[in-house]
N, C-alpha and C. Protein backbone atom coordinates (compact mmCIF):
# COMPACT_ATOMS: atom_id res chain seq x y z
N MET A 1 0.86 -1.16 0.01
CA MET A 1 0.00 -0.01 0.01
C MET A 1 0.89 1.23 0.00
N LYS A 2 0.35 2.34 -0.46
CA LYS A 2 1.16 3.56 -0.55
C LYS A 2 0.26 4.74 -0.15
N ALA A 3 0.88 5.66 0.66
CA ALA A 3 0.22 6.90 0.96
C ALA A 3 0.58 7.88 -0.17
N VAL A 4 -0.45 8.50 -0.74
CA VAL A 4 -0.22 9.41 -1.87
C VAL A 4 -0.87 10.77 -1.59
N ASN A 5 -0.54 11.76 -2.38
CA ASN A 5 -1.09 13.11 -2.21
C ASN A 5 -0.92 13.64 -0.83
N ILE A 6 0.26 13.42 -0.22
CA ILE A 6 0.57 13.84 1.09
C ILE A 6 0.70 15.34 1.10
N ILE A 7 0.02 16.01 1.98
CA ILE A 7 0.05 17.46 2.12
C ILE A 7 0.82 17.74 3.46
N TRP A 8 2.00 18.25 3.33
CA TRP A 8 2.87 18.45 4.48
C TRP A 8 2.54 19.75 5.14
N ASP A 9 2.76 19.77 6.46
CA ASP A 9 2.50 20.95 7.31
C ASP A 9 3.84 21.57 7.62
N ALA A 10 4.35 22.38 6.71
CA ALA A 10 5.66 23.04 6.93
C ALA A 10 5.54 24.52 6.63
N ASP A 11 6.10 25.31 7.51
CA ASP A 11 6.01 26.79 7.35
C ASP A 11 6.99 27.30 6.30
N ASP A 12 8.15 26.66 6.21
CA ASP A 12 9.19 27.10 5.28
C ASP A 12 9.05 26.37 3.92
N PRO A 13 8.85 27.15 2.88
CA PRO A 13 8.67 26.45 1.57
C PRO A 13 9.91 25.59 1.18
N GLU A 14 11.07 25.98 1.68
CA GLU A 14 12.27 25.15 1.35
C GLU A 14 12.18 23.76 1.95
N ASP A 15 11.49 23.62 3.14
CA ASP A 15 11.32 22.29 3.70
C ASP A 15 10.45 21.42 2.81
N LEU A 16 9.49 22.01 2.15
CA LEU A 16 8.60 21.24 1.31
C LEU A 16 9.29 20.62 0.11
N GLU A 17 10.35 21.27 -0.35
CA GLU A 17 11.07 20.82 -1.57
C GLU A 17 11.58 19.40 -1.42
N GLY A 18 12.04 19.02 -0.25
CA GLY A 18 12.64 17.68 -0.07
C GLY A 18 11.64 16.64 0.43
N LEU A 19 10.45 17.01 0.67
CA LEU A 19 9.46 16.06 1.23
C LEU A 19 8.73 15.28 0.08
N PRO A 20 8.57 14.00 0.24
CA PRO A 20 7.92 13.19 -0.80
C PRO A 20 6.41 13.44 -0.75
N THR A 21 5.79 13.23 -1.90
CA THR A 21 4.31 13.24 -1.95
C THR A 21 3.68 11.85 -1.89
N GLU A 22 4.61 10.84 -1.96
CA GLU A 22 4.17 9.41 -1.86
C GLU A 22 5.16 8.68 -0.92
N ILE A 23 4.66 7.78 -0.12
CA ILE A 23 5.49 6.95 0.74
C ILE A 23 4.91 5.55 0.77
N ASP A 24 5.74 4.55 0.58
CA ASP A 24 5.27 3.12 0.71
C ASP A 24 4.97 2.85 2.16
N ILE A 25 3.89 2.13 2.41
CA ILE A 25 3.46 1.78 3.74
C ILE A 25 3.85 0.31 4.01
N PRO A 26 4.45 -0.01 5.18
CA PRO A 26 4.80 -1.37 5.45
C PRO A 26 3.61 -2.32 5.37
N GLU A 27 3.90 -3.54 4.94
CA GLU A 27 2.85 -4.56 4.81
C GLU A 27 2.19 -4.77 6.17
N GLY A 28 0.87 -4.89 6.20
CA GLY A 28 0.13 -5.17 7.40
C GLY A 28 -0.34 -3.90 8.12
N MET A 29 0.24 -2.77 7.79
CA MET A 29 -0.17 -1.52 8.44
C MET A 29 -1.39 -0.98 7.71
N THR A 30 -2.56 -1.00 8.40
CA THR A 30 -3.80 -0.59 7.72
C THR A 30 -4.54 0.50 8.47
N ASP A 31 -4.34 0.72 9.76
CA ASP A 31 -5.00 1.70 10.51
C ASP A 31 -4.51 3.10 10.16
N GLU A 32 -5.44 3.98 9.77
CA GLU A 32 -5.03 5.30 9.27
C GLU A 32 -4.29 6.14 10.28
N ASP A 33 -4.63 6.02 11.61
CA ASP A 33 -3.90 6.76 12.59
C ASP A 33 -2.46 6.25 12.71
N THR A 34 -2.26 4.94 12.58
CA THR A 34 -0.93 4.40 12.64
C THR A 34 -0.13 4.80 11.44
N ILE A 35 -0.75 4.84 10.25
CA ILE A 35 -0.09 5.26 9.04
C ILE A 35 0.24 6.76 9.13
N SER A 36 -0.64 7.56 9.72
CA SER A 36 -0.40 8.98 9.89
C SER A 36 0.88 9.17 10.77
N ASP A 37 0.95 8.43 11.85
CA ASP A 37 2.12 8.53 12.74
C ASP A 37 3.38 8.06 12.00
N TYR A 38 3.27 7.01 11.19
CA TYR A 38 4.38 6.48 10.40
C TYR A 38 4.96 7.53 9.44
N LEU A 39 4.06 8.25 8.76
CA LEU A 39 4.50 9.27 7.83
C LEU A 39 5.31 10.35 8.52
N SER A 40 4.82 10.79 9.68
CA SER A 40 5.49 11.84 10.44
C SER A 40 6.83 11.34 10.98
N GLU A 41 6.89 10.09 11.46
CA GLU A 41 8.12 9.51 11.98
C GLU A 41 9.17 9.40 10.91
N MET A 42 8.74 9.01 9.70
CA MET A 42 9.68 8.82 8.58
C MET A 42 10.32 10.12 8.13
N THR A 43 9.60 11.20 8.23
CA THR A 43 10.15 12.48 7.69
C THR A 43 10.48 13.50 8.73
N GLY A 44 9.91 13.39 9.93
CA GLY A 44 10.13 14.40 10.94
C GLY A 44 9.16 15.58 10.81
N PHE A 45 8.18 15.48 9.90
CA PHE A 45 7.24 16.52 9.70
C PHE A 45 5.83 16.04 9.89
N CYS A 46 4.95 16.93 10.34
CA CYS A 46 3.53 16.61 10.45
C CYS A 46 2.90 16.83 9.08
N HIS A 47 1.76 16.30 8.84
CA HIS A 47 1.06 16.51 7.57
C HIS A 47 -0.37 16.92 7.87
N LYS A 48 -0.98 17.47 6.78
CA LYS A 48 -2.35 17.96 6.90
C LYS A 48 -3.35 16.94 6.28
N GLY A 49 -2.79 15.91 5.67
CA GLY A 49 -3.65 14.89 5.02
C GLY A 49 -2.92 14.08 4.00
N PHE A 50 -3.54 12.95 3.68
CA PHE A 50 -3.02 12.03 2.67
C PHE A 50 -4.12 11.13 2.19
N ALA A 51 -3.89 10.42 1.08
CA ALA A 51 -4.80 9.41 0.63
C ALA A 51 -4.10 8.10 0.51
N LEU A 52 -4.81 7.01 0.59
CA LEU A 52 -4.23 5.70 0.38
C LEU A 52 -4.49 5.26 -1.03
N ASP A 53 -3.49 4.81 -1.74
CA ASP A 53 -3.65 4.38 -3.12
C ASP A 53 -4.43 3.06 -3.10
N PRO A 54 -5.70 3.13 -3.58
CA PRO A 54 -6.53 1.87 -3.50
C PRO A 54 -6.07 0.79 -4.45
N GLU A 55 -5.34 1.13 -5.48
CA GLU A 55 -4.90 0.11 -6.42
C GLU A 55 -3.78 -0.74 -5.84
N LEU A 56 -3.06 -0.21 -4.84
CA LEU A 56 -1.96 -0.95 -4.28
C LEU A 56 -2.40 -1.80 -3.09
N GLY A 57 -3.49 -1.48 -2.49
CA GLY A 57 -3.94 -2.21 -1.30
C GLY A 57 -4.83 -3.38 -1.78
N GLU A 58 -4.87 -4.40 -1.01
CA GLU A 58 -5.71 -5.55 -1.32
C GLU A 58 -7.12 -5.18 -0.98
N ARG A 59 -8.06 -5.33 -1.97
CA ARG A 59 -9.44 -4.99 -1.72
C ARG A 59 -10.20 -6.20 -1.27
N THR A 60 -11.10 -5.99 -0.36
CA THR A 60 -11.90 -7.07 0.20
C THR A 60 -13.30 -7.17 -0.47
N TYR A 61 -13.74 -6.11 -1.07
CA TYR A 61 -15.10 -6.01 -1.64
C TYR A 61 -16.17 -6.32 -0.61
N ILE A 62 -15.91 -5.91 0.62
CA ILE A 62 -16.89 -5.97 1.72
C ILE A 62 -17.11 -4.54 2.20
N VAL A 63 -18.32 -4.08 2.05
CA VAL A 63 -18.70 -2.74 2.48
C VAL A 63 -19.47 -2.79 3.76
N THR A 64 -19.08 -1.97 4.75
CA THR A 64 -19.83 -1.86 5.98
C THR A 64 -20.23 -0.44 6.22
N GLU A 65 -21.48 -0.18 6.43
CA GLU A 65 -21.99 1.18 6.57
C GLU A 65 -23.15 1.16 7.58
N LEU A 66 -23.30 2.25 8.31
CA LEU A 66 -24.41 2.36 9.26
C LEU A 66 -25.50 3.15 8.49
N CYS A 67 -26.69 2.61 8.43
CA CYS A 67 -27.81 3.18 7.76
C CYS A 67 -28.30 4.40 8.59
N PRO A 68 -28.29 5.59 7.97
CA PRO A 68 -28.74 6.78 8.77
C PRO A 68 -30.22 6.78 9.02
N HIS A 69 -30.99 5.99 8.32
CA HIS A 69 -32.44 5.95 8.43
C HIS A 69 -32.90 5.03 9.53
N CYS A 70 -32.42 3.80 9.56
CA CYS A 70 -32.89 2.80 10.56
C CYS A 70 -31.80 2.47 11.57
N GLU A 71 -30.63 2.98 11.36
CA GLU A 71 -29.46 2.77 12.24
C GLU A 71 -28.97 1.35 12.30
N ALA A 72 -29.26 0.54 11.29
CA ALA A 72 -28.79 -0.83 11.24
C ALA A 72 -27.40 -0.80 10.62
N GLU A 73 -26.51 -1.68 11.10
CA GLU A 73 -25.21 -1.85 10.50
C GLU A 73 -25.38 -2.80 9.34
N VAL A 74 -25.03 -2.29 8.14
CA VAL A 74 -25.21 -3.06 6.91
C VAL A 74 -23.88 -3.53 6.38
N GLU A 75 -23.72 -4.79 6.08
CA GLU A 75 -22.49 -5.34 5.52
C GLU A 75 -22.88 -5.97 4.20
N ILE A 76 -22.27 -5.44 3.15
CA ILE A 76 -22.55 -5.96 1.79
C ILE A 76 -21.28 -6.65 1.27
N HIS A 77 -21.40 -7.90 0.91
CA HIS A 77 -20.25 -8.69 0.41
C HIS A 77 -20.31 -8.63 -1.16
N GLY A 78 -19.12 -8.56 -1.71
CA GLY A 78 -19.03 -8.60 -3.19
C GLY A 78 -19.30 -7.26 -3.88
N TRP A 79 -19.34 -6.19 -3.14
CA TRP A 79 -19.63 -4.86 -3.68
C TRP A 79 -18.38 -4.19 -4.19
N ASP A 80 -18.33 -3.86 -5.48
CA ASP A 80 -17.17 -3.23 -6.08
C ASP A 80 -17.62 -1.81 -6.44
N THR A 81 -17.11 -0.82 -5.72
CA THR A 81 -17.53 0.55 -5.98
C THR A 81 -17.12 1.05 -7.37
N ASP A 82 -16.07 0.42 -7.95
CA ASP A 82 -15.66 0.83 -9.31
C ASP A 82 -16.77 0.47 -10.31
N HIS A 83 -17.51 -0.57 -10.07
CA HIS A 83 -18.55 -1.00 -11.00
C HIS A 83 -19.96 -0.70 -10.44
N ASN A 84 -20.19 -0.84 -9.11
CA ASN A 84 -21.48 -0.68 -8.58
C ASN A 84 -21.75 0.73 -8.02
N GLY A 85 -20.74 1.54 -7.92
CA GLY A 85 -20.89 2.89 -7.40
C GLY A 85 -20.95 3.01 -5.90
N PHE A 86 -21.30 4.17 -5.39
CA PHE A 86 -21.23 4.48 -3.98
C PHE A 86 -22.65 4.66 -3.40
N LYS A 87 -23.67 4.23 -4.16
CA LYS A 87 -25.05 4.26 -3.65
C LYS A 87 -25.61 2.85 -3.64
N ALA A 88 -26.22 2.50 -2.52
CA ALA A 88 -26.88 1.23 -2.39
C ALA A 88 -28.24 1.43 -1.68
N PHE A 89 -28.90 0.38 -1.39
CA PHE A 89 -30.15 0.47 -0.61
C PHE A 89 -30.04 -0.44 0.60
N CYS A 90 -30.53 0.08 1.73
CA CYS A 90 -30.47 -0.68 2.98
C CYS A 90 -31.39 -1.87 2.85
N PRO A 91 -30.87 -3.10 3.16
CA PRO A 91 -31.70 -4.28 3.08
C PRO A 91 -32.75 -4.36 4.20
N TYR A 92 -32.63 -3.49 5.19
CA TYR A 92 -33.56 -3.55 6.33
C TYR A 92 -34.73 -2.57 6.15
N CYS A 93 -34.43 -1.33 5.74
CA CYS A 93 -35.53 -0.32 5.59
C CYS A 93 -35.78 0.04 4.16
N GLY A 94 -34.88 -0.35 3.20
CA GLY A 94 -35.09 -0.05 1.80
C GLY A 94 -34.73 1.34 1.35
N LYS A 95 -34.22 2.17 2.26
CA LYS A 95 -33.91 3.54 1.86
C LYS A 95 -32.48 3.63 1.34
N ARG A 96 -32.18 4.74 0.68
CA ARG A 96 -30.87 4.93 0.09
C ARG A 96 -29.80 4.89 1.11
N LEU A 97 -28.68 4.24 0.75
CA LEU A 97 -27.53 4.12 1.64
C LEU A 97 -26.31 4.61 0.87
N MET A 98 -25.75 5.71 1.26
CA MET A 98 -24.55 6.19 0.66
C MET A 98 -23.34 5.52 1.31
N LEU A 99 -22.40 5.07 0.53
CA LEU A 99 -21.26 4.31 0.97
C LEU A 99 -20.11 5.26 1.29
N CYS A 100 -20.34 6.15 2.25
CA CYS A 100 -19.40 7.24 2.55
C CYS A 100 -18.05 6.68 3.03
N ASP A 101 -18.06 5.65 3.84
CA ASP A 101 -16.78 5.10 4.30
C ASP A 101 -15.94 4.56 3.18
N GLU A 102 -16.55 3.94 2.17
CA GLU A 102 -15.82 3.48 0.98
C GLU A 102 -15.23 4.65 0.26
N CYS A 103 -16.01 5.70 0.13
CA CYS A 103 -15.52 6.90 -0.57
C CYS A 103 -14.29 7.45 0.11
N GLN A 104 -14.32 7.54 1.42
CA GLN A 104 -13.19 8.11 2.18
C GLN A 104 -11.93 7.29 2.10
N HIS A 105 -12.05 5.97 1.76
CA HIS A 105 -10.89 5.14 1.63
C HIS A 105 -10.56 4.85 0.20
N SER A 106 -11.19 5.54 -0.73
CA SER A 106 -10.98 5.26 -2.16
C SER A 106 -9.88 6.13 -2.79
N GLY A 107 -9.33 7.12 -2.04
CA GLY A 107 -8.38 7.98 -2.60
C GLY A 107 -8.92 9.09 -3.40
N CYS A 108 -10.25 9.32 -3.34
CA CYS A 108 -10.94 10.40 -4.05
C CYS A 108 -10.82 11.74 -3.36
N GLY A 109 -10.27 11.76 -2.17
CA GLY A 109 -10.19 13.00 -1.40
C GLY A 109 -11.17 12.97 -0.27
N PRO A 110 -11.27 14.01 0.49
CA PRO A 110 -12.19 14.03 1.64
C PRO A 110 -13.65 14.02 1.23
N CYS A 111 -14.48 13.60 2.13
CA CYS A 111 -15.92 13.55 1.92
C CYS A 111 -16.42 14.97 1.68
N ASP A 112 -17.25 15.15 0.63
CA ASP A 112 -17.79 16.50 0.35
C ASP A 112 -19.31 16.47 0.49
N TYR A 113 -19.85 15.58 1.34
CA TYR A 113 -21.29 15.52 1.52
C TYR A 113 -21.84 16.84 2.13
N ASP A 114 -22.96 17.29 1.57
CA ASP A 114 -23.65 18.50 2.04
C ASP A 114 -25.01 18.06 2.58
N SER A 115 -25.17 18.14 3.90
CA SER A 115 -26.41 17.62 4.49
C SER A 115 -27.62 18.51 4.14
N GLU A 116 -27.41 19.76 3.79
CA GLU A 116 -28.52 20.67 3.41
C GLU A 116 -29.11 20.25 2.08
N THR A 117 -28.28 19.88 1.15
CA THR A 117 -28.73 19.54 -0.22
C THR A 117 -28.77 18.03 -0.41
N ASP A 118 -28.24 17.25 0.53
CA ASP A 118 -28.20 15.78 0.44
C ASP A 118 -27.48 15.37 -0.83
N THR A 119 -26.35 16.03 -1.11
CA THR A 119 -25.57 15.73 -2.32
C THR A 119 -24.09 15.55 -2.00
N CYS A 120 -23.40 14.89 -2.89
CA CYS A 120 -21.94 14.76 -2.82
C CYS A 120 -21.50 14.43 -4.27
N ARG A 121 -20.19 14.23 -4.45
CA ARG A 121 -19.67 13.93 -5.75
C ARG A 121 -20.28 12.68 -6.37
N HIS A 122 -20.75 11.73 -5.50
CA HIS A 122 -21.32 10.48 -6.03
C HIS A 122 -22.82 10.49 -6.00
N ASN A 123 -23.42 11.54 -5.49
CA ASN A 123 -24.87 11.71 -5.51
C ASN A 123 -25.17 13.21 -5.80
N PRO A 124 -24.90 13.67 -7.02
CA PRO A 124 -25.00 15.08 -7.33
C PRO A 124 -26.40 15.67 -7.33
N GLY A 125 -27.40 14.86 -7.29
CA GLY A 125 -28.78 15.40 -7.30
C GLY A 125 -29.14 15.74 -8.74
N THR A 126 -30.25 16.41 -8.90
CA THR A 126 -30.71 16.78 -10.24
C THR A 126 -30.58 18.28 -10.45
N LYS A 127 -30.29 18.63 -11.69
CA LYS A 127 -30.16 20.07 -12.02
C LYS A 127 -31.53 20.63 -12.33
N GLU A 128 -31.80 21.76 -11.74
CA GLU A 128 -33.04 22.44 -11.98
C GLU A 128 -32.90 23.35 -13.20
N GLY A 129 -33.89 23.51 -13.96
CA GLY A 129 -33.72 24.43 -15.07
C GLY A 129 -34.74 24.29 -16.07
């Protein structure tokens, strides 16, 4: 697995010049807090964020999400977000289930969900006009 798009927290622009934007993660290290600490320990600098390269990590195709409507924990086996997308339906209440956790681990960047409009990059809504 590899940490990519690392945004370093350095005040001096000269410090940024020598810092990598990608770092290989040791095998078996999967917890994001542990990876965060590892990046800082390797370089001596704190960071403001990073993404994990999903192509390099082994995918399980198991999605776990908490339904915001009925509060059931939903586990879907065999779900490939590359082909099936980030929207599903809760098998308990039948309402829409956004796979936000999968999005946050996909390397697409931070979640951009807007609760006022109920939209995000994977659920843009409809254009009025």
